[in-house]
Amino acid sequence: MIKLLITILCIIGCVSCTTPVATKPTLISTKPPIVVQQALEKSQSKPATTLVDGKYIVTSTQRGKMSWYSVKTNFGTATASGQKFSNHKATAAHKKLKMGTMVRITNLSNGRSRILRINDRGPYKPGRIVDVAVGMSYSAHLNFYTKGVVPCKLEVLSRVK
């Protein structure tokens, strides 16, 4: 029994069996082995690309809250891009993204997503990152009309060349 215990301790490294005790501390390399290091460099040099709808790649992602807006809540049909606002088009408002940017919005409450085009500025309520046209909030699309505000993921898309 004692022999078994000593053998286990030797394997674990708690007891020095045949190896002499080192007098100097041994420096352990902080670099990963060469093969692992090369794999890390390859994975860091090219970000992973996700193909969306066969036409787009995701270039960045934001998380926050989304809400819907309409002609009535927008006080008319004018948008910041100069286009006429429609309640039923696949459009959205964002504070900073360039007009015409395509985005995929995912409702994190139910997993539904839609590809929309940014054509307006907003939302102006704290904590919200995007307003979508009211038609996109209906049950056939993102399905959050009755809730009004839901958590979302916004993925900025770029067309594949």
C-alpha atoms as a PDB file:
ATOM      1  CA  MET A   1       0.000   0.000   0.000  1.00  0.00           C
ATOM      2  CA  ILE A   2       2.798   2.422   0.895  1.00  0.00           C
ATOM      3  CA  LYS A   3       4.650   1.463  -2.297  1.00  0.00           C
ATOM      4  CA  LEU A   4       1.515   2.262  -4.325  1.00  0.00           C
ATOM      5  CA  LEU A   5       1.152   5.636  -2.600  1.00  0.00           C
ATOM      6  CA  ILE A   6       4.807   6.522  -3.277  1.00  0.00           C
ATOM      7  CA  THR A   7       4.423   5.487  -6.914  1.00  0.00           C
ATOM      8  CA  ILE A   8       1.343   7.676  -7.323  1.00  0.00           C
ATOM      9  CA  LEU A   9       3.096  10.632  -5.699  1.00  0.00           C
ATOM     10  CA  CYS A  10       6.095  10.134  -7.984  1.00  0.00           C
ATOM     11  CA  ILE A  11       3.848  10.169 -11.023  1.00  0.00           C
ATOM     12  CA  ILE A  12       2.084  13.302  -9.855  1.00  0.00           C
ATOM     13  CA  GLY A  13       5.377  14.947  -9.074  1.00  0.00           C
ATOM     14  CA  CYS A  14       4.839  15.623  -5.404  1.00  0.00           C
ATOM     15  CA  VAL A  15       7.756  13.437  -4.312  1.00  0.00           C
ATOM     16  CA  SER A  16      11.122  13.260  -5.999  1.00  0.00           C
ATOM     17  CA  CYS A  17      11.911   9.564  -6.600  1.00  0.00           C
ATOM     18  CA  THR A  18      15.013   9.389  -8.739  1.00  0.00           C
ATOM     19  CA  THR A  19      15.247  12.935 -10.032  1.00  0.00           C
ATOM     20  CA  PRO A  20      17.581  15.185  -8.056  1.00  0.00           C
ATOM     21  CA  VAL A  21      16.163  18.392  -6.660  1.00  0.00           C
ATOM     22  CA  ALA A  22      16.972  21.360  -8.905  1.00  0.00           C
ATOM     23  CA  THR A  23      18.947  24.075  -7.175  1.00  0.00           C
ATOM     24  CA  LYS A  24      17.965  26.796  -9.669  1.00  0.00           C
ATOM     25  CA  PRO A  25      14.423  27.578 -10.698  1.00  0.00           C
ATOM     26  CA  THR A  26      13.686  26.313 -14.199  1.00  0.00           C
ATOM     27  CA  LEU A  27      12.381  28.886 -16.654  1.00  0.00           C
ATOM     28  CA  ILE A  28       9.289  27.741 -18.475  1.00  0.00           C
ATOM     29  CA  SER A  29       8.801  29.184 -21.945  1.00  0.00           C
ATOM     30  CA  THR A  30       5.738  31.373 -22.278  1.00  0.00           C
ATOM     31  CA  LYS A  31       5.650  30.740 -26.042  1.00  0.00           C
ATOM     32  CA  PRO A  32       3.450  27.904 -27.236  1.00  0.00           C
ATOM     33  CA  PRO A  33       5.091  25.098 -29.227  1.00  0.00           C
ATOM     34  CA  ILE A  34       5.920  26.063 -32.821  1.00  0.00           C
ATOM     35  CA  VAL A  35       3.059  24.099 -34.382  1.00  0.00           C
ATOM     36  CA  VAL A  36       0.515  25.665 -32.018  1.00  0.00           C
ATOM     37  CA  GLN A  37       2.048  29.118 -32.524  1.00  0.00           C
ATOM     38  CA  GLN A  38       1.783  28.816 -36.333  1.00  0.00           C
ATOM     39  CA  ALA A  39      -1.846  27.738 -36.048  1.00  0.00           C
ATOM     40  CA  LEU A  40      -2.572  30.725 -33.796  1.00  0.00           C
ATOM     41  CA  GLU A  41      -0.896  33.121 -36.243  1.00  0.00           C
ATOM     42  CA  LYS A  42      -2.958  31.735 -39.138  1.00  0.00           C
ATOM     43  CA  SER A  43      -6.222  32.029 -37.206  1.00  0.00           C
ATOM     44  CA  GLN A  44      -5.433  35.601 -36.145  1.00  0.00           C
ATOM     45  CA  SER A  45      -4.293  36.834 -39.548  1.00  0.00           C
ATOM     46  CA  LYS A  46      -7.638  36.192 -41.277  1.00  0.00           C
ATOM     47  CA  PRO A  47     -10.865  36.750 -39.371  1.00  0.00           C
ATOM     48  CA  ALA A  48     -13.422  34.019 -39.898  1.00  0.00           C
ATOM     49  CA  THR A  49     -15.960  34.982 -42.529  1.00  0.00           C
ATOM     50  CA  THR A  50     -19.586  34.016 -42.364  1.00  0.00           C
ATOM     51  CA  LEU A  51     -21.486  33.918 -45.652  1.00  0.00           C
ATOM     52  CA  VAL A  52     -24.972  35.391 -45.300  1.00  0.00           C
ATOM     53  CA  ASP A  53     -27.685  34.762 -47.885  1.00  0.00           C
ATOM     54  CA  GLY A  54     -24.988  33.732 -50.379  1.00  0.00           C
ATOM     55  CA  LYS A  55     -24.170  37.409 -51.078  1.00  0.00           C
ATOM     56  CA  TYR A  56     -22.711  38.968 -47.938  1.00  0.00           C
ATOM     57  CA  ILE A  57     -20.027  38.494 -45.299  1.00  0.00           C
ATOM     58  CA  VAL A  58     -20.303  39.743 -41.717  1.00  0.00           C
ATOM     59  CA  THR A  59     -17.777  42.519 -41.047  1.00  0.00           C
ATOM     60  CA  SER A  60     -18.785  43.530 -37.509  1.00  0.00           C
ATOM     61  CA  THR A  61     -21.380  42.805 -34.842  1.00  0.00           C
ATOM     62  CA  GLN A  62     -23.205  44.905 -32.257  1.00  0.00           C
ATOM     63  CA  ARG A  63     -25.560  43.855 -29.462  1.00  0.00           C
ATOM     64  CA  GLY A  64     -28.187  45.960 -27.790  1.00  0.00           C
ATOM     65  CA  LYS A  65     -31.898  46.684 -27.990  1.00  0.00           C
ATOM     66  CA  MET A  66     -34.062  47.333 -31.039  1.00  0.00           C
ATOM     67  CA  SER A  67     -37.381  49.025 -31.378  1.00  0.00           C
ATOM     68  CA  TRP A  68     -39.728  49.774 -34.260  1.00  0.00           C
ATOM     69  CA  TYR A  69     -40.826  53.086 -35.716  1.00  0.00           C
ATOM     70  CA  SER A  70     -43.470  54.152 -38.217  1.00  0.00           C
ATOM     71  CA  VAL A  71     -44.629  57.120 -40.297  1.00  0.00           C
ATOM     72  CA  LYS A  72     -46.678  58.221 -37.277  1.00  0.00           C
ATOM     73  CA  THR A  73     -43.821  57.970 -34.734  1.00  0.00           C
ATOM     74  CA  ASN A  74     -41.367  59.442 -37.296  1.00  0.00           C
ATOM     75  CA  PHE A  75     -43.661  62.481 -37.772  1.00  0.00           C
ATOM     76  CA  GLY A  76     -43.883  61.945 -41.521  1.00  0.00           C
ATOM     77  CA  THR A  77     -42.173  60.194 -44.375  1.00  0.00           C
ATOM     78  CA  ALA A  78     -38.825  61.999 -44.557  1.00  0.00           C
ATOM     79  CA  THR A  79     -35.661  60.036 -43.739  1.00  0.00           C
ATOM     80  CA  ALA A  80     -32.122  61.252 -43.144  1.00  0.00           C
ATOM     81  CA  SER A  81     -31.057  59.697 -46.463  1.00  0.00           C
ATOM     82  CA  GLY A  82     -33.664  61.683 -48.383  1.00  0.00           C
ATOM     83  CA  GLN A  83     -35.653  58.583 -49.305  1.00  0.00           C
ATOM     84  CA  LYS A  84     -39.351  58.405 -48.565  1.00  0.00           C
ATOM     85  CA  PHE A  85     -40.003  56.336 -45.433  1.00  0.00           C
ATOM     86  CA  SER A  86     -42.317  53.352 -45.783  1.00  0.00           C
ATOM     87  CA  ASN A  87     -43.748  51.359 -42.901  1.00  0.00           C
ATOM     88  CA  HIS A  88     -43.400  48.104 -44.819  1.00  0.00           C
ATOM     89  CA  LYS A  89     -39.969  48.219 -46.473  1.00  0.00           C
ATOM     90  CA  ALA A  90     -36.946  46.322 -45.133  1.00  0.00           C
ATOM     91  CA  THR A  91     -35.250  49.427 -43.733  1.00  0.00           C
ATOM     92  CA  ALA A  92     -33.810  50.550 -40.420  1.00  0.00           C
ATOM     93  CA  ALA A  93     -32.341  53.538 -38.612  1.00  0.00           C
ATOM     94  CA  HIS A  94     -28.880  53.529 -37.004  1.00  0.00           C
ATOM     95  CA  LYS A  95     -26.939  56.364 -35.366  1.00  0.00           C
ATOM     96  CA  LYS A  96     -23.575  55.907 -37.109  1.00  0.00           C
ATOM     97  CA  LEU A  97     -23.632  53.357 -39.938  1.00  0.00           C
ATOM     98  CA  LYS A  98     -23.309  54.697 -43.468  1.00  0.00           C
ATOM     99  CA  MET A  99     -26.576  55.143 -45.378  1.00  0.00           C
ATOM    100  CA  GLY A 100     -27.235  52.152 -47.608  1.00  0.00           C
ATOM    101  CA  THR A 101     -25.347  49.715 -45.350  1.00  0.00           C
ATOM    102  CA  MET A 102     -26.920  46.269 -45.328  1.00  0.00           C
ATOM    103  CA  VAL A 103     -27.347  44.693 -41.886  1.00  0.00           C
ATOM    104  CA  ARG A 104     -28.760  41.450 -40.545  1.00  0.00           C
ATOM    105  CA  ILE A 105     -30.860  42.044 -37.445  1.00  0.00           C
ATOM    106  CA  THR A 106     -31.560  39.075 -35.174  1.00  0.00           C
ATOM    107  CA  ASN A 107     -34.260  39.208 -32.514  1.00  0.00           C
ATOM    108  CA  LEU A 108     -32.518  37.469 -29.596  1.00  0.00           C
ATOM    109  CA  SER A 109     -35.892  36.755 -27.913  1.00  0.00           C
ATOM    110  CA  ASN A 110     -36.973  34.372 -30.658  1.00  0.00           C
ATOM    111  CA  GLY A 111     -33.989  33.876 -33.011  1.00  0.00           C
ATOM    112  CA  ARG A 112     -35.692  35.405 -36.063  1.00  0.00           C
ATOM    113  CA  SER A 113     -33.545  37.520 -38.374  1.00  0.00           C
ATOM    114  CA  ARG A 114     -33.947  39.744 -41.439  1.00  0.00           C
ATOM    115  CA  ILE A 115     -31.587  41.600 -43.748  1.00  0.00           C
ATOM    116  CA  LEU A 116     -32.369  45.336 -43.766  1.00  0.00           C
ATOM    117  CA  ARG A 117     -30.884  48.473 -45.326  1.00  0.00           C
ATOM    118  CA  ILE A 118     -29.919  51.501 -43.216  1.00  0.00           C
ATOM    119  CA  ASN A 119     -31.646  54.605 -44.605  1.00  0.00           C
ATOM    120  CA  ASP A 120     -32.296  56.770 -41.537  1.00  0.00           C
ATOM    121  CA  ARG A 121     -30.749  58.033 -38.295  1.00  0.00           C
ATOM    122  CA  GLY A 122     -31.815  56.949 -34.836  1.00  0.00           C
ATOM    123  CA  PRO A 123     -32.852  55.605 -32.387  1.00  0.00           C
ATOM    124  CA  TYR A 124     -32.599  58.416 -29.892  1.00  0.00           C
ATOM    125  CA  LYS A 125     -33.508  56.487 -26.752  1.00  0.00           C
ATOM    126  CA  PRO A 126     -30.589  55.357 -24.521  1.00  0.00           C
ATOM    127  CA  GLY A 127     -29.638  51.689 -24.809  1.00  0.00           C
ATOM    128  CA  ARG A 128     -31.161  51.152 -28.245  1.00  0.00           C
ATOM    129  CA  ILE A 129     -28.912  50.474 -31.221  1.00  0.00           C
ATOM    130  CA  VAL A 130     -31.417  50.220 -34.081  1.00  0.00           C
ATOM    131  CA  ASP A 131     -34.970  51.156 -35.065  1.00  0.00           C
ATOM    132  CA  VAL A 132     -36.649  49.001 -37.719  1.00  0.00           C
ATOM    133  CA  ALA A 133     -39.606  49.911 -39.916  1.00  0.00           C
ATOM    134  CA  VAL A 134     -42.803  48.814 -38.175  1.00  0.00           C
ATOM    135  CA  GLY A 135     -43.603  46.304 -40.932  1.00  0.00           C
ATOM    136  CA  MET A 136     -40.450  44.352 -40.024  1.00  0.00           C
ATOM    137  CA  SER A 137     -41.647  44.033 -36.412  1.00  0.00           C
ATOM    138  CA  TYR A 138     -44.769  42.055 -37.373  1.00  0.00           C
ATOM    139  CA  SER A 139     -45.084  38.319 -36.759  1.00  0.00           C
ATOM    140  CA  ALA A 140     -44.150  37.370 -40.346  1.00  0.00           C
ATOM    141  CA  HIS A 141     -40.722  38.956 -39.873  1.00  0.00           C
ATOM    142  CA  LEU A 142     -38.923  39.754 -36.574  1.00  0.00           C
ATOM    143  CA  ASN A 143     -42.078  39.246 -34.453  1.00  0.00           C
ATOM    144  CA  PHE A 144     -41.758  41.855 -31.693  1.00  0.00           C
ATOM    145  CA  TYR A 145     -44.482  44.415 -32.497  1.00  0.00           C
ATOM    146  CA  THR A 146     -46.405  43.923 -29.242  1.00  0.00           C
ATOM    147  CA  LYS A 147     -43.259  43.980 -27.074  1.00  0.00           C
ATOM    148  CA  GLY A 148     -41.938  47.167 -28.707  1.00  0.00           C
ATOM    149  CA  VAL A 149     -38.336  46.794 -27.506  1.00  0.00           C
ATOM    150  CA  VAL A 150     -36.315  43.557 -27.545  1.00  0.00           C
ATOM    151  CA  PRO A 151     -32.649  42.506 -27.307  1.00  0.00           C
ATOM    152  CA  CYS A 152     -30.998  42.119 -30.696  1.00  0.00           C
ATOM    153  CA  LYS A 153     -27.808  41.372 -32.555  1.00  0.00           C
ATOM    154  CA  LEU A 154     -26.899  43.618 -35.491  1.00  0.00           C
ATOM    155  CA  GLU A 155     -24.403  42.264 -38.021  1.00  0.00           C
ATOM    156  CA  VAL A 156     -22.932  44.695 -40.544  1.00  0.00           C
ATOM    157  CA  LEU A 157     -22.772  43.047 -43.957  1.00  0.00           C
ATOM    158  CA  SER A 158     -20.490  43.587 -46.921  1.00  0.00           C
ATOM    159  CA  ARG A 159     -21.214  42.260 -50.427  1.00  0.00           C
ATOM    160  CA  VAL A 160     -18.982  39.389 -51.573  1.00  0.00           C
ATOM    161  CA  LYS A 161     -17.046  40.259 -54.710  1.00  0.00           C
END
